[in-house]
Amino acid sequence: MDRYWRLVWIVNGWQVVPDLIPVYPRLVQALRHRLRTEADRIGGADHINPRV
């Protein structure tokens, strides 16, 4: 995953920030929350994979 983010930063011309591994669990949690919030907004999470 570290390699992926480094490539994203490089492709976008952003400064490469080393050692963001501790941030990943929080990022995943935030994205899951956003996905649930969007699912609730459009009428339920029946069609969303809970393992995402």
Protein backbone atom coordinates (compact mmCIF):
# COMPACT_ATOMS: atom_id res chain seq x y z
CA MET A 1 0.00 0.00 0.00
CA ASP A 2 2.90 2.34 0.74
CA ARG A 3 4.17 1.91 -2.80
CA TYR A 4 0.72 2.71 -4.22
CA TRP A 5 0.45 6.03 -2.34
CA ARG A 6 3.99 7.00 -3.27
CA LEU A 7 3.10 6.50 -6.94
CA VAL A 8 -0.13 8.50 -6.52
CA TRP A 9 1.85 11.37 -5.01
CA ILE A 10 4.46 11.24 -7.76
CA VAL A 11 1.89 11.10 -10.58
CA ASN A 12 -0.02 14.06 -9.10
CA GLY A 13 3.14 16.05 -8.51
CA TRP A 14 2.63 16.09 -4.73
CA GLN A 15 5.39 16.01 -2.15
CA VAL A 16 6.07 12.39 -1.14
CA VAL A 17 5.37 11.99 2.57
CA PRO A 18 7.24 9.04 4.08
CA ASP A 19 5.90 6.71 6.73
CA LEU A 20 2.15 7.29 6.52
CA ILE A 21 1.43 3.66 7.42
CA PRO A 22 -0.18 4.66 10.77
CA VAL A 23 -2.67 6.84 8.85
CA TYR A 24 -4.03 4.00 6.71
CA PRO A 25 -6.36 2.42 9.30
CA ARG A 26 -7.95 5.81 9.98
CA LEU A 27 -8.28 6.46 6.25
CA VAL A 28 -10.01 3.11 5.70
CA GLN A 29 -12.35 3.79 8.62
CA ALA A 30 -13.25 7.22 7.22
CA LEU A 31 -13.92 5.81 3.76
CA ARG A 32 -16.15 3.07 5.18
CA HIS A 33 -18.09 5.67 7.17
CA ARG A 34 -18.52 7.78 4.03
CA LEU A 35 -19.74 4.75 2.08
CA ARG A 36 -22.32 3.92 4.77
CA THR A 37 -23.46 7.55 4.94
CA GLU A 38 -23.96 7.69 1.18
CA ALA A 39 -25.81 4.38 1.22
CA ASP A 40 -28.16 5.64 3.93
CA ARG A 41 -28.74 8.83 1.99
CA ILE A 42 -29.79 6.98 -1.17
CA GLY A 43 -32.04 4.53 0.62
CA GLY A 44 -30.17 1.71 2.27
CA ALA A 45 -27.01 -0.29 2.22
CA ASP A 46 -28.46 -3.53 0.86
CA HIS A 47 -26.46 -3.26 -2.34
CA ILE A 48 -23.13 -2.33 -0.73
CA ASN A 49 -20.50 -4.90 0.14
CA PRO A 50 -19.87 -4.57 3.90
CA ARG A 51 -16.32 -5.88 3.49
CA VAL A 52 -15.20 -2.85 1.48
